Amino acid sequence: MLELKLLLLLMVANGLPVILFRWLGDRFSQPVDGGALFFDGRPLFGHSKTWRGFLGGTVGAAIISVLLGYSMMFGMVFGLLSLSGDLVSSFIKRRMSRESSSRAIGLDQIPEAIIPLIVGAAWLGYGANTIIIVTLSFFLLDVLASPILYHMGIRKRPH
C-alpha cells in the first residue's frame, strides 16, 4: 500500500503540470529559468519548465499527501523534490543539445522519482526495496501511459 501511495504522489506531482498546461495554455506559464542561458549558450531548463507547473505539482502533491494520511509538509517536500529532479533532467538534456520536451528514456523518469523517494525514506522510514519498486513502477507507467495520454490529447508528445 505504501508503494501505491508514493507512486500516486509522483504521478500527481509530475502529471498536474501537464494537465494545467492543457487547461490554461500559455497563461501563467513563466519559465522557471526566466529564459536565461547557461554559459554554453543553451537554456538552463527550457521553456516547458514553468512556475505554474512547478508550483501546481508541488501544491497538488501536498493536497494528495493529506488525503493519503501524510502531512501536508511531507507532500510539499516530496512534490518539490520530484519537480526539482525534473529540472535536473531538463538541465542535463539541454547540455546534451536536446530540445525541450524531447525524449530521454530513464533520464526523463528516474531523477524525478528517486530524489523524493530517497528523502521520503528518511522521513517515513521505508527501505531501498520501496525506492526501487516505486522508481521502476513510475518509469514503466510513464513509458507505457505517455502514448495513451498523447492520443487522448493530454500530452503534447507521445513520450
C-alpha atoms as a PDB file:
ATOM      1  CA  MET A   1       0.000   0.000   0.000  1.00  0.00           C
ATOM      2  CA  LEU A   2       2.867   2.393   0.803  1.00  0.00           C
ATOM      3  CA  GLU A   3       4.311   1.904  -2.683  1.00  0.00           C
ATOM      4  CA  LEU A   4       0.984   2.778  -4.309  1.00  0.00           C
ATOM      5  CA  LYS A   5       0.679   5.937  -2.214  1.00  0.00           C
ATOM      6  CA  LEU A   6       4.186   7.049  -3.148  1.00  0.00           C
ATOM      7  CA  LEU A   7       3.531   6.261  -6.803  1.00  0.00           C
ATOM      8  CA  LEU A   8       0.353   8.346  -6.682  1.00  0.00           C
ATOM      9  CA  LEU A   9       2.278  11.270  -5.181  1.00  0.00           C
ATOM     10  CA  LEU A  10       4.810  11.052  -8.025  1.00  0.00           C
ATOM     11  CA  MET A  11       2.045  10.874 -10.614  1.00  0.00           C
ATOM     12  CA  VAL A  12       0.270  13.926  -9.203  1.00  0.00           C
ATOM     13  CA  ALA A  13       3.445  15.997  -8.841  1.00  0.00           C
ATOM     14  CA  ASN A  14       4.513  15.233 -12.406  1.00  0.00           C
ATOM     15  CA  GLY A  15       1.123  14.911 -14.069  1.00  0.00           C
ATOM     16  CA  LEU A  16      -0.546  18.038 -12.760  1.00  0.00           C
ATOM     17  CA  PRO A  17       1.790  20.392 -14.687  1.00  0.00           C
ATOM     18  CA  VAL A  18       0.763  18.641 -17.926  1.00  0.00           C
ATOM     19  CA  ILE A  19      -2.924  18.935 -17.062  1.00  0.00           C
ATOM     20  CA  LEU A  20      -2.530  22.595 -16.088  1.00  0.00           C
ATOM     21  CA  PHE A  21      -0.920  23.272 -19.468  1.00  0.00           C
ATOM     22  CA  ARG A  22      -3.895  21.677 -21.217  1.00  0.00           C
ATOM     23  CA  TRP A  23      -6.376  23.684 -19.145  1.00  0.00           C
ATOM     24  CA  LEU A  24      -4.589  27.024 -19.124  1.00  0.00           C
ATOM     25  CA  GLY A  25      -2.490  27.013 -22.300  1.00  0.00           C
ATOM     26  CA  ASP A  26       0.175  29.685 -22.038  1.00  0.00           C
ATOM     27  CA  ARG A  27      -1.491  31.599 -19.198  1.00  0.00           C
ATOM     28  CA  PHE A  28       0.693  31.889 -16.095  1.00  0.00           C
ATOM     29  CA  SER A  29       3.447  29.954 -17.871  1.00  0.00           C
ATOM     30  CA  GLN A  30       6.567  31.891 -16.961  1.00  0.00           C
ATOM     31  CA  PRO A  31       9.663  29.707 -17.444  1.00  0.00           C
ATOM     32  CA  VAL A  32      11.470  28.750 -14.243  1.00  0.00           C
ATOM     33  CA  ASP A  33      14.761  29.811 -15.809  1.00  0.00           C
ATOM     34  CA  GLY A  34      13.312  33.138 -16.945  1.00  0.00           C
ATOM     35  CA  GLY A  35      14.775  32.493 -20.385  1.00  0.00           C
ATOM     36  CA  ALA A  36      18.317  32.605 -19.004  1.00  0.00           C
ATOM     37  CA  LEU A  37      21.091  30.853 -20.860  1.00  0.00           C
ATOM     38  CA  PHE A  38      23.866  28.779 -19.343  1.00  0.00           C
ATOM     39  CA  PHE A  39      27.481  29.576 -20.234  1.00  0.00           C
ATOM     40  CA  ASP A  40      27.209  27.096 -23.137  1.00  0.00           C
ATOM     41  CA  GLY A  41      24.585  29.359 -24.741  1.00  0.00           C
ATOM     42  CA  ARG A  42      21.725  26.913 -24.158  1.00  0.00           C
ATOM     43  CA  PRO A  43      18.719  27.474 -21.870  1.00  0.00           C
ATOM     44  CA  LEU A  44      19.129  26.388 -18.261  1.00  0.00           C
ATOM     45  CA  PHE A  45      15.955  24.270 -18.355  1.00  0.00           C
ATOM     46  CA  GLY A  46      13.882  25.322 -21.362  1.00  0.00           C
ATOM     47  CA  HIS A  47      10.534  26.980 -21.942  1.00  0.00           C
ATOM     48  CA  SER A  48       8.422  23.963 -20.936  1.00  0.00           C
ATOM     49  CA  LYS A  49       9.521  24.117 -17.281  1.00  0.00           C
ATOM     50  CA  THR A  50       7.221  26.768 -15.831  1.00  0.00           C
ATOM     51  CA  TRP A  51       6.483  28.208 -12.417  1.00  0.00           C
ATOM     52  CA  ARG A  52       2.836  27.263 -12.954  1.00  0.00           C
ATOM     53  CA  GLY A  53       3.776  23.615 -13.362  1.00  0.00           C
ATOM     54  CA  PHE A  54       6.361  23.643 -10.583  1.00  0.00           C
ATOM     55  CA  LEU A  55       4.042  25.254  -8.044  1.00  0.00           C
ATOM     56  CA  GLY A  56       0.962  23.371  -9.251  1.00  0.00           C
ATOM     57  CA  GLY A  57       2.676  19.992  -8.954  1.00  0.00           C
ATOM     58  CA  THR A  58       4.040  20.845  -5.515  1.00  0.00           C
ATOM     59  CA  VAL A  59       0.660  22.020  -4.187  1.00  0.00           C
ATOM     60  CA  GLY A  60      -1.092  19.061  -5.809  1.00  0.00           C
ATOM     61  CA  ALA A  61       1.283  16.630  -4.095  1.00  0.00           C
ATOM     62  CA  ALA A  62       0.698  18.401  -0.763  1.00  0.00           C
ATOM     63  CA  ILE A  63      -3.080  18.056  -1.097  1.00  0.00           C
ATOM     64  CA  ILE A  64      -2.926  14.402  -2.132  1.00  0.00           C
ATOM     65  CA  SER A  65      -0.452  13.733   0.681  1.00  0.00           C
ATOM     66  CA  VAL A  66      -3.027  14.844   3.254  1.00  0.00           C
ATOM     67  CA  LEU A  67      -5.717  12.716   1.602  1.00  0.00           C
ATOM     68  CA  LEU A  68      -3.349   9.732   1.823  1.00  0.00           C
ATOM     69  CA  GLY A  69      -2.757  10.282   5.536  1.00  0.00           C
ATOM     70  CA  TYR A  70       0.613  12.034   5.386  1.00  0.00           C
ATOM     71  CA  SER A  71       1.375  15.586   6.406  1.00  0.00           C
ATOM     72  CA  MET A  72       0.982  18.490   4.046  1.00  0.00           C
ATOM     73  CA  MET A  73       4.647  19.317   4.630  1.00  0.00           C
ATOM     74  CA  PHE A  74       5.677  15.821   3.509  1.00  0.00           C
ATOM     75  CA  GLY A  75       3.666  16.221   0.311  1.00  0.00           C
ATOM     76  CA  MET A  76       5.080  19.663  -0.388  1.00  0.00           C
ATOM     77  CA  VAL A  77       8.658  18.498   0.093  1.00  0.00           C
ATOM     78  CA  PHE A  78       8.014  15.336  -1.925  1.00  0.00           C
ATOM     79  CA  GLY A  79       6.463  17.301  -4.802  1.00  0.00           C
ATOM     80  CA  LEU A  80       9.152  19.980  -4.672  1.00  0.00           C
ATOM     81  CA  LEU A  81      11.902  17.359  -4.820  1.00  0.00           C
ATOM     82  CA  SER A  82      10.209  15.456  -7.626  1.00  0.00           C
ATOM     83  CA  LEU A  83       9.861  18.557  -9.749  1.00  0.00           C
ATOM     84  CA  SER A  84      13.422  19.570  -8.857  1.00  0.00           C
ATOM     85  CA  GLY A  85      14.517  16.171 -10.179  1.00  0.00           C
ATOM     86  CA  ASP A  86      12.636  17.006 -13.364  1.00  0.00           C
ATOM     87  CA  LEU A  87      14.573  20.283 -13.582  1.00  0.00           C
ATOM     88  CA  VAL A  88      17.843  18.336 -13.178  1.00  0.00           C
ATOM     89  CA  SER A  89      16.779  16.126 -16.098  1.00  0.00           C
ATOM     90  CA  SER A  90      15.980  19.156 -18.217  1.00  0.00           C
ATOM     91  CA  PHE A  91      19.284  20.804 -17.338  1.00  0.00           C
ATOM     92  CA  ILE A  92      21.182  17.665 -18.396  1.00  0.00           C
ATOM     93  CA  LYS A  93      19.158  17.351 -21.612  1.00  0.00           C
ATOM     94  CA  ARG A  94      19.912  20.965 -22.540  1.00  0.00           C
ATOM     95  CA  ARG A  95      23.639  20.249 -22.042  1.00  0.00           C
ATOM     96  CA  MET A  96      23.180  17.292 -24.412  1.00  0.00           C
ATOM     97  CA  SER A  97      21.687  19.708 -27.015  1.00  0.00           C
ATOM     98  CA  ARG A  98      18.242  18.142 -26.717  1.00  0.00           C
ATOM     99  CA  GLU A  99      15.252  20.418 -27.129  1.00  0.00           C
ATOM    100  CA  SER A 100      12.535  20.973 -24.527  1.00  0.00           C
ATOM    101  CA  SER A 101      10.151  18.022 -24.198  1.00  0.00           C
ATOM    102  CA  SER A 102      12.489  15.734 -26.148  1.00  0.00           C
ATOM    103  CA  ARG A 103      12.585  12.085 -25.128  1.00  0.00           C
ATOM    104  CA  ALA A 104      15.372  10.653 -22.988  1.00  0.00           C
ATOM    105  CA  ILE A 105      14.242   7.324 -21.546  1.00  0.00           C
ATOM    106  CA  GLY A 106      15.419   6.922 -17.972  1.00  0.00           C
ATOM    107  CA  LEU A 107      16.617  10.496 -17.666  1.00  0.00           C
ATOM    108  CA  ASP A 108      13.005  11.646 -18.026  1.00  0.00           C
ATOM    109  CA  GLN A 109      11.761   9.442 -15.179  1.00  0.00           C
ATOM    110  CA  ILE A 110      14.451   8.395 -12.725  1.00  0.00           C
ATOM    111  CA  PRO A 111      15.665  11.690 -11.159  1.00  0.00           C
ATOM    112  CA  GLU A 112      12.111  12.931 -10.537  1.00  0.00           C
ATOM    113  CA  ALA A 113      11.287   9.641  -8.815  1.00  0.00           C
ATOM    114  CA  ILE A 114      14.427   8.697  -6.965  1.00  0.00           C
ATOM    115  CA  ILE A 115      15.253  12.061  -5.371  1.00  0.00           C
ATOM    116  CA  PRO A 116      11.953  12.435  -3.457  1.00  0.00           C
ATOM    117  CA  LEU A 117      11.869   8.711  -2.685  1.00  0.00           C
ATOM    118  CA  ILE A 118      15.296   8.820  -1.017  1.00  0.00           C
ATOM    119  CA  VAL A 119      14.276  11.789   1.140  1.00  0.00           C
ATOM    120  CA  GLY A 120      10.907  10.127   1.779  1.00  0.00           C
ATOM    121  CA  ALA A 121      12.727   7.022   3.056  1.00  0.00           C
ATOM    122  CA  ALA A 122      14.462   9.134   5.695  1.00  0.00           C
ATOM    123  CA  TRP A 123      11.145  10.813   6.542  1.00  0.00           C
ATOM    124  CA  LEU A 124       8.879   7.741   6.651  1.00  0.00           C
ATOM    125  CA  GLY A 125      11.408   5.012   7.391  1.00  0.00           C
ATOM    126  CA  TYR A 126      10.989   2.723   4.388  1.00  0.00           C
ATOM    127  CA  GLY A 127      13.867   0.906   2.731  1.00  0.00           C
ATOM    128  CA  ALA A 128      15.680   0.522  -0.564  1.00  0.00           C
ATOM    129  CA  ASN A 129      13.190  -2.060  -1.847  1.00  0.00           C
ATOM    130  CA  THR A 130      10.411   0.525  -1.750  1.00  0.00           C
ATOM    131  CA  ILE A 131      12.589   3.071  -3.539  1.00  0.00           C
ATOM    132  CA  ILE A 132      13.421   0.558  -6.279  1.00  0.00           C
ATOM    133  CA  ILE A 133       9.847  -0.725  -6.677  1.00  0.00           C
ATOM    134  CA  VAL A 134       8.305   2.748  -6.881  1.00  0.00           C
ATOM    135  CA  THR A 135      11.015   4.106  -9.201  1.00  0.00           C
ATOM    136  CA  LEU A 136      10.629   1.180 -11.599  1.00  0.00           C
ATOM    137  CA  SER A 137       6.826   1.409 -11.411  1.00  0.00           C
ATOM    138  CA  PHE A 138       6.936   5.142 -12.166  1.00  0.00           C
ATOM    139  CA  PHE A 139       9.335   4.522 -15.057  1.00  0.00           C
ATOM    140  CA  LEU A 140       7.131   1.812 -16.586  1.00  0.00           C
ATOM    141  CA  LEU A 141       3.916   3.731 -16.028  1.00  0.00           C
ATOM    142  CA  ASP A 142       5.359   6.846 -17.666  1.00  0.00           C
ATOM    143  CA  VAL A 143       6.725   4.965 -20.678  1.00  0.00           C
ATOM    144  CA  LEU A 144       3.537   2.940 -21.195  1.00  0.00           C
ATOM    145  CA  ALA A 145       0.973   5.660 -20.431  1.00  0.00           C
ATOM    146  CA  SER A 146       2.569   8.515 -22.377  1.00  0.00           C
ATOM    147  CA  PRO A 147       1.414   7.351 -25.830  1.00  0.00           C
ATOM    148  CA  ILE A 148      -2.106   6.828 -24.497  1.00  0.00           C
ATOM    149  CA  LEU A 149      -2.171  10.300 -22.928  1.00  0.00           C
ATOM    150  CA  TYR A 150      -0.905  11.755 -26.208  1.00  0.00           C
ATOM    151  CA  HIS A 151      -3.729  10.125 -28.165  1.00  0.00           C
ATOM    152  CA  MET A 152      -6.207  11.453 -25.592  1.00  0.00           C
ATOM    153  CA  GLY A 153      -4.859  14.972 -26.232  1.00  0.00           C
ATOM    154  CA  ILE A 154      -3.410  15.364 -22.743  1.00  0.00           C
ATOM    155  CA  ARG A 155       0.287  15.223 -23.632  1.00  0.00           C
ATOM    156  CA  LYS A 156       1.986  17.294 -26.347  1.00  0.00           C
ATOM    157  CA  ARG A 157       4.139  14.379 -27.499  1.00  0.00           C
ATOM    158  CA  PRO A 158       3.704  10.604 -27.442  1.00  0.00           C
ATOM    159  CA  HIS A 159       6.566  10.183 -24.956  1.00  0.00           C
END
